[in-house]
Amino acid sequence: MLFDHSSKLERRTLDRRKMLGSGVISFAGGNCGMDCVVLDLTDGGARIRPADILTCPDEFYLATKEGSRVTCRVVWRRNDLIGVLFR
């Protein structure tokens, strides 16, 4: 399903749920990590603001304060935000 919102093409096929929750991005075998803010979620991915966009890897684990942990792959980067798909 595609929507045109404010001249930006909407490619998301799953409903997005707004969320403003903290999380932790872990990578390098769990030896490295950084805080993040999860801005919204779908069943298949999320929009995230990592603490450091420049050192955020393309694949990582995302843990939320609710206790969930998912493997993520970055599919886009814009300014200080990333979009990820859950694997």
C-alpha atoms as a PDB file:
ATOM      1  CA  MET A   1       0.000   0.000   0.000  1.00  0.00           C
ATOM      2  CA  LEU A   2       1.545   3.340  -1.052  1.00  0.00           C
ATOM      3  CA  PHE A   3       0.523   6.758   0.213  1.00  0.00           C
ATOM      4  CA  ASP A   4       1.682  10.223  -0.745  1.00  0.00           C
ATOM      5  CA  HIS A   5       2.131  12.321   2.405  1.00  0.00           C
ATOM      6  CA  SER A   6       3.521  15.840   1.965  1.00  0.00           C
ATOM      7  CA  SER A   7       5.185  14.883  -1.323  1.00  0.00           C
ATOM      8  CA  LYS A   8       7.084  12.003   0.344  1.00  0.00           C
ATOM      9  CA  LEU A   9       6.358   8.557  -1.017  1.00  0.00           C
ATOM     10  CA  GLU A  10       5.187   6.177   1.712  1.00  0.00           C
ATOM     11  CA  ARG A  11       6.647   2.690   1.088  1.00  0.00           C
ATOM     12  CA  ARG A  12       5.622   1.108   4.377  1.00  0.00           C
ATOM     13  CA  THR A  13       3.189  -1.780   4.003  1.00  0.00           C
ATOM     14  CA  LEU A  14       2.641  -2.391   7.741  1.00  0.00           C
ATOM     15  CA  ASP A  15       0.907  -0.028  10.160  1.00  0.00           C
ATOM     16  CA  ARG A  16       3.305   2.179  12.099  1.00  0.00           C
ATOM     17  CA  ARG A  17       2.893   2.629  15.864  1.00  0.00           C
ATOM     18  CA  LYS A  18       4.334   5.743  17.474  1.00  0.00           C
ATOM     19  CA  MET A  19       6.635   4.990  20.362  1.00  0.00           C
ATOM     20  CA  LEU A  20       9.109   7.069  22.264  1.00  0.00           C
ATOM     21  CA  GLY A  21      11.077   4.470  24.147  1.00  0.00           C
ATOM     22  CA  SER A  22      14.677   3.945  25.043  1.00  0.00           C
ATOM     23  CA  GLY A  23      16.709   1.063  23.728  1.00  0.00           C
ATOM     24  CA  VAL A  24      20.229  -0.255  23.381  1.00  0.00           C
ATOM     25  CA  ILE A  25      21.985  -1.100  20.130  1.00  0.00           C
ATOM     26  CA  SER A  26      24.591  -3.843  20.596  1.00  0.00           C
ATOM     27  CA  PHE A  27      27.124  -5.065  18.042  1.00  0.00           C
ATOM     28  CA  ALA A  28      30.619  -6.563  17.661  1.00  0.00           C
ATOM     29  CA  GLY A  29      29.550  -9.749  19.376  1.00  0.00           C
ATOM     30  CA  GLY A  30      27.956  -7.815  22.219  1.00  0.00           C
ATOM     31  CA  ASN A  31      31.243  -6.073  23.061  1.00  0.00           C
ATOM     32  CA  CYS A  32      30.043  -2.652  21.864  1.00  0.00           C
ATOM     33  CA  GLY A  33      26.808  -0.809  22.408  1.00  0.00           C
ATOM     34  CA  MET A  34      25.076   2.547  22.383  1.00  0.00           C
ATOM     35  CA  ASP A  35      21.826   4.002  23.609  1.00  0.00           C
ATOM     36  CA  CYS A  36      19.047   4.858  21.189  1.00  0.00           C
ATOM     37  CA  VAL A  37      15.489   6.151  21.043  1.00  0.00           C
ATOM     38  CA  VAL A  38      12.890   4.059  19.234  1.00  0.00           C
ATOM     39  CA  LEU A  39      10.546   6.559  17.573  1.00  0.00           C
ATOM     40  CA  ASP A  40       8.073   4.197  15.936  1.00  0.00           C
ATOM     41  CA  LEU A  41       7.551   0.519  15.215  1.00  0.00           C
ATOM     42  CA  THR A  42       5.910  -1.816  12.745  1.00  0.00           C
ATOM     43  CA  ASP A  43       5.791  -5.593  12.996  1.00  0.00           C
ATOM     44  CA  GLY A  44       8.695  -5.660  10.540  1.00  0.00           C
ATOM     45  CA  GLY A  45      10.937  -2.766  11.551  1.00  0.00           C
ATOM     46  CA  ALA A  46      11.478   0.541  13.328  1.00  0.00           C
ATOM     47  CA  ARG A  47      12.632   4.146  13.035  1.00  0.00           C
ATOM     48  CA  ILE A  48      15.458   4.779  15.502  1.00  0.00           C
ATOM     49  CA  ARG A  49      17.637   7.685  16.658  1.00  0.00           C
ATOM     50  CA  PRO A  50      20.987   6.137  17.687  1.00  0.00           C
ATOM     51  CA  ALA A  51      23.304   7.987  20.077  1.00  0.00           C
ATOM     52  CA  ASP A  52      25.968   8.135  17.342  1.00  0.00           C
ATOM     53  CA  ILE A  53      24.794   7.813  13.759  1.00  0.00           C
ATOM     54  CA  LEU A  54      28.370   7.642  12.440  1.00  0.00           C
ATOM     55  CA  THR A  55      29.396   4.552  14.424  1.00  0.00           C
ATOM     56  CA  CYS A  56      26.062   2.750  14.206  1.00  0.00           C
ATOM     57  CA  PRO A  57      26.681  -0.454  12.193  1.00  0.00           C
ATOM     58  CA  ASP A  58      24.531  -1.783   9.354  1.00  0.00           C
ATOM     59  CA  GLU A  59      23.490  -4.835  11.409  1.00  0.00           C
ATOM     60  CA  PHE A  60      22.970  -5.026  15.165  1.00  0.00           C
ATOM     61  CA  TYR A  61      20.766  -6.249  17.998  1.00  0.00           C
ATOM     62  CA  LEU A  62      18.165  -3.881  19.419  1.00  0.00           C
ATOM     63  CA  ALA A  63      17.077  -4.374  23.027  1.00  0.00           C
ATOM     64  CA  THR A  64      14.203  -2.342  24.472  1.00  0.00           C
ATOM     65  CA  LYS A  65      13.390  -1.571  28.082  1.00  0.00           C
ATOM     66  CA  GLU A  66      10.352  -3.856  27.710  1.00  0.00           C
ATOM     67  CA  GLY A  67      12.797  -6.768  27.374  1.00  0.00           C
ATOM     68  CA  SER A  68      12.521  -7.565  23.670  1.00  0.00           C
ATOM     69  CA  ARG A  69      15.680  -8.207  21.626  1.00  0.00           C
ATOM     70  CA  VAL A  70      15.660  -8.329  17.820  1.00  0.00           C
ATOM     71  CA  THR A  71      18.246  -8.510  15.067  1.00  0.00           C
ATOM     72  CA  CYS A  72      18.113  -5.424  12.827  1.00  0.00           C
ATOM     73  CA  ARG A  73      19.425  -4.451   9.403  1.00  0.00           C
ATOM     74  CA  VAL A  74      19.650  -0.749   8.467  1.00  0.00           C
ATOM     75  CA  VAL A  75      17.745   0.021   5.259  1.00  0.00           C
ATOM     76  CA  TRP A  76      18.032   3.823   5.281  1.00  0.00           C
ATOM     77  CA  ARG A  77      19.891   6.665   7.046  1.00  0.00           C
ATOM     78  CA  ARG A  78      18.775  10.295   7.137  1.00  0.00           C
ATOM     79  CA  ASN A  79      20.382  12.965   9.293  1.00  0.00           C
ATOM     80  CA  ASP A  80      20.383  11.456  12.813  1.00  0.00           C
ATOM     81  CA  LEU A  81      17.770   8.742  12.112  1.00  0.00           C
ATOM     82  CA  ILE A  82      17.879   5.202  10.759  1.00  0.00           C
ATOM     83  CA  GLY A  83      15.221   2.845   9.474  1.00  0.00           C
ATOM     84  CA  VAL A  84      15.684  -0.841  10.240  1.00  0.00           C
ATOM     85  CA  LEU A  85      14.124  -4.134   9.216  1.00  0.00           C
ATOM     86  CA  PHE A  86      13.778  -6.859  11.822  1.00  0.00           C
ATOM     87  CA  ARG A  87      15.343 -10.183  10.850  1.00  0.00           C
END
